[in-house]
Amino acid sequence: MATRAQSAERKSGLERAYEAVRRSRVPARVRRRGGDVVLLAAEDWDAIQETLHIASIPGAVARVRDGRDYKELKTINRPALERLLKA
């Protein structure tokens, strides 16, 4: 069984790992006897879940790759934009 000092040291190390992953957005593998775990920024986890959801929709990936569903964006100069905003 771990001593209090060992537990505190582990907790401190995990907190540093949490912060490093959150700041860098680079996942970290934590090796454990019972099996490894991965620390991942919550925003990255959400993005993975959204990607998996979209990929589960029949034909969605092909439509995104094809890109014909999207209209080309028009550029607008600043004076024209300002006129639109005033209207």
C-alpha atoms as a PDB file:
ATOM      1  CA  MET A   1       0.000   0.000   0.000  1.00  0.00           C
ATOM      2  CA  ALA A   2       1.258   3.496  -0.847  1.00  0.00           C
ATOM      3  CA  THR A   3       2.310   5.849   1.915  1.00  0.00           C
ATOM      4  CA  ARG A   4       0.777   9.304   2.196  1.00  0.00           C
ATOM      5  CA  ALA A   5       3.971  10.821   0.795  1.00  0.00           C
ATOM      6  CA  GLN A   6       3.860   8.499  -2.212  1.00  0.00           C
ATOM      7  CA  SER A   7       0.159   9.258  -2.788  1.00  0.00           C
ATOM      8  CA  ALA A   8       0.775  13.020  -2.587  1.00  0.00           C
ATOM      9  CA  GLU A   9       3.712  12.713  -4.986  1.00  0.00           C
ATOM     10  CA  ARG A  10       1.583  10.746  -7.457  1.00  0.00           C
ATOM     11  CA  LYS A  11      -1.246  13.268  -7.169  1.00  0.00           C
ATOM     12  CA  SER A  12       1.161  16.153  -7.775  1.00  0.00           C
ATOM     13  CA  GLY A  13       2.598  14.368 -10.813  1.00  0.00           C
ATOM     14  CA  LEU A  14      -0.870  13.772 -12.220  1.00  0.00           C
ATOM     15  CA  GLU A  15      -1.833  17.389 -11.693  1.00  0.00           C
ATOM     16  CA  ARG A  16       1.269  18.454 -13.643  1.00  0.00           C
ATOM     17  CA  ALA A  17       0.360  15.973 -16.386  1.00  0.00           C
ATOM     18  CA  TYR A  18      -3.233  17.257 -16.491  1.00  0.00           C
ATOM     19  CA  GLU A  19      -2.028  20.827 -16.858  1.00  0.00           C
ATOM     20  CA  ALA A  20       0.554  19.918 -19.514  1.00  0.00           C
ATOM     21  CA  VAL A  21      -2.047  18.064 -21.583  1.00  0.00           C
ATOM     22  CA  ARG A  22      -4.554  20.878 -21.215  1.00  0.00           C
ATOM     23  CA  ARG A  23      -2.021  23.516 -22.297  1.00  0.00           C
ATOM     24  CA  SER A  24      -0.296  21.579 -25.084  1.00  0.00           C
ATOM     25  CA  ARG A  25      -3.325  19.633 -26.353  1.00  0.00           C
ATOM     26  CA  VAL A  26      -0.966  16.644 -26.744  1.00  0.00           C
ATOM     27  CA  PRO A  27      -2.361  13.408 -25.277  1.00  0.00           C
ATOM     28  CA  ALA A  28      -0.299  11.627 -22.627  1.00  0.00           C
ATOM     29  CA  ARG A  29      -0.200   7.882 -21.989  1.00  0.00           C
ATOM     30  CA  VAL A  30      -0.111   6.920 -18.335  1.00  0.00           C
ATOM     31  CA  ARG A  31       1.340   3.460 -17.799  1.00  0.00           C
ATOM     32  CA  ARG A  32      -0.225   1.388 -15.051  1.00  0.00           C
ATOM     33  CA  ARG A  33       0.090  -2.231 -13.992  1.00  0.00           C
ATOM     34  CA  GLY A  34      -3.607  -2.856 -14.594  1.00  0.00           C
ATOM     35  CA  GLY A  35      -3.578  -1.208 -18.022  1.00  0.00           C
ATOM     36  CA  ASP A  36      -2.609   2.102 -19.550  1.00  0.00           C
ATOM     37  CA  VAL A  37      -4.862   5.150 -19.724  1.00  0.00           C
ATOM     38  CA  VAL A  38      -4.650   8.228 -21.917  1.00  0.00           C
ATOM     39  CA  LEU A  39      -5.071  11.817 -20.753  1.00  0.00           C
ATOM     40  CA  LEU A  40      -6.731  13.914 -23.418  1.00  0.00           C
ATOM     41  CA  ALA A  41      -7.888  17.550 -23.427  1.00  0.00           C
ATOM     42  CA  ALA A  42     -11.683  17.734 -23.148  1.00  0.00           C
ATOM     43  CA  GLU A  43     -11.932  19.816 -26.339  1.00  0.00           C
ATOM     44  CA  ASP A  44     -10.065  17.090 -28.245  1.00  0.00           C
ATOM     45  CA  TRP A  45     -12.341  14.403 -26.808  1.00  0.00           C
ATOM     46  CA  ASP A  46     -15.394  16.416 -27.901  1.00  0.00           C
ATOM     47  CA  ALA A  47     -13.939  16.822 -31.408  1.00  0.00           C
ATOM     48  CA  ILE A  48     -13.284  13.076 -31.671  1.00  0.00           C
ATOM     49  CA  GLN A  49     -16.837  12.320 -30.570  1.00  0.00           C
ATOM     50  CA  GLU A  50     -18.268  14.763 -33.113  1.00  0.00           C
ATOM     51  CA  THR A  51     -16.120  13.281 -35.884  1.00  0.00           C
ATOM     52  CA  LEU A  52     -17.248   9.759 -34.996  1.00  0.00           C
ATOM     53  CA  HIS A  53     -20.876  10.898 -35.019  1.00  0.00           C
ATOM     54  CA  ILE A  54     -20.536  12.506 -38.463  1.00  0.00           C
ATOM     55  CA  ALA A  55     -18.683   9.457 -39.781  1.00  0.00           C
ATOM     56  CA  SER A  56     -21.599   7.280 -38.613  1.00  0.00           C
ATOM     57  CA  ILE A  57     -24.072   9.122 -40.859  1.00  0.00           C
ATOM     58  CA  PRO A  58     -24.368   7.268 -44.172  1.00  0.00           C
ATOM     59  CA  GLY A  59     -22.798   9.307 -46.979  1.00  0.00           C
ATOM     60  CA  ALA A  60     -21.657  12.179 -44.725  1.00  0.00           C
ATOM     61  CA  VAL A  61     -17.925  11.597 -45.184  1.00  0.00           C
ATOM     62  CA  ALA A  62     -18.302  11.359 -48.961  1.00  0.00           C
ATOM     63  CA  ARG A  63     -20.281  14.613 -49.032  1.00  0.00           C
ATOM     64  CA  VAL A  64     -17.636  16.424 -47.001  1.00  0.00           C
ATOM     65  CA  ARG A  65     -14.853  15.057 -49.206  1.00  0.00           C
ATOM     66  CA  ASP A  66     -16.759  15.941 -52.365  1.00  0.00           C
ATOM     67  CA  GLY A  67     -17.460  19.481 -51.242  1.00  0.00           C
ATOM     68  CA  ARG A  68     -20.050  20.209 -53.921  1.00  0.00           C
ATOM     69  CA  ASP A  69     -22.653  20.958 -51.259  1.00  0.00           C
ATOM     70  CA  TYR A  70     -20.835  24.128 -50.303  1.00  0.00           C
ATOM     71  CA  LYS A  71     -21.045  27.431 -52.089  1.00  0.00           C
ATOM     72  CA  GLU A  72     -17.877  29.319 -52.829  1.00  0.00           C
ATOM     73  CA  LEU A  73     -17.400  32.224 -50.465  1.00  0.00           C
ATOM     74  CA  LYS A  74     -17.312  35.698 -51.940  1.00  0.00           C
ATOM     75  CA  THR A  75     -14.828  38.248 -50.711  1.00  0.00           C
ATOM     76  CA  ILE A  76     -16.013  41.705 -49.843  1.00  0.00           C
ATOM     77  CA  ASN A  77     -14.017  44.893 -49.448  1.00  0.00           C
ATOM     78  CA  ARG A  78     -14.131  46.935 -46.260  1.00  0.00           C
ATOM     79  CA  PRO A  79     -16.243  49.866 -47.584  1.00  0.00           C
ATOM     80  CA  ALA A  80     -18.869  47.452 -48.901  1.00  0.00           C
ATOM     81  CA  LEU A  81     -18.906  45.623 -45.566  1.00  0.00           C
ATOM     82  CA  GLU A  82     -19.327  48.873 -43.664  1.00  0.00           C
ATOM     83  CA  ARG A  83     -22.241  49.852 -45.929  1.00  0.00           C
ATOM     84  CA  LEU A  84     -23.902  46.494 -45.235  1.00  0.00           C
ATOM     85  CA  LEU A  85     -23.441  46.883 -41.501  1.00  0.00           C
ATOM     86  CA  LYS A  86     -25.022  50.355 -41.539  1.00  0.00           C
ATOM     87  CA  ALA A  87     -28.068  49.190 -43.482  1.00  0.00           C
END
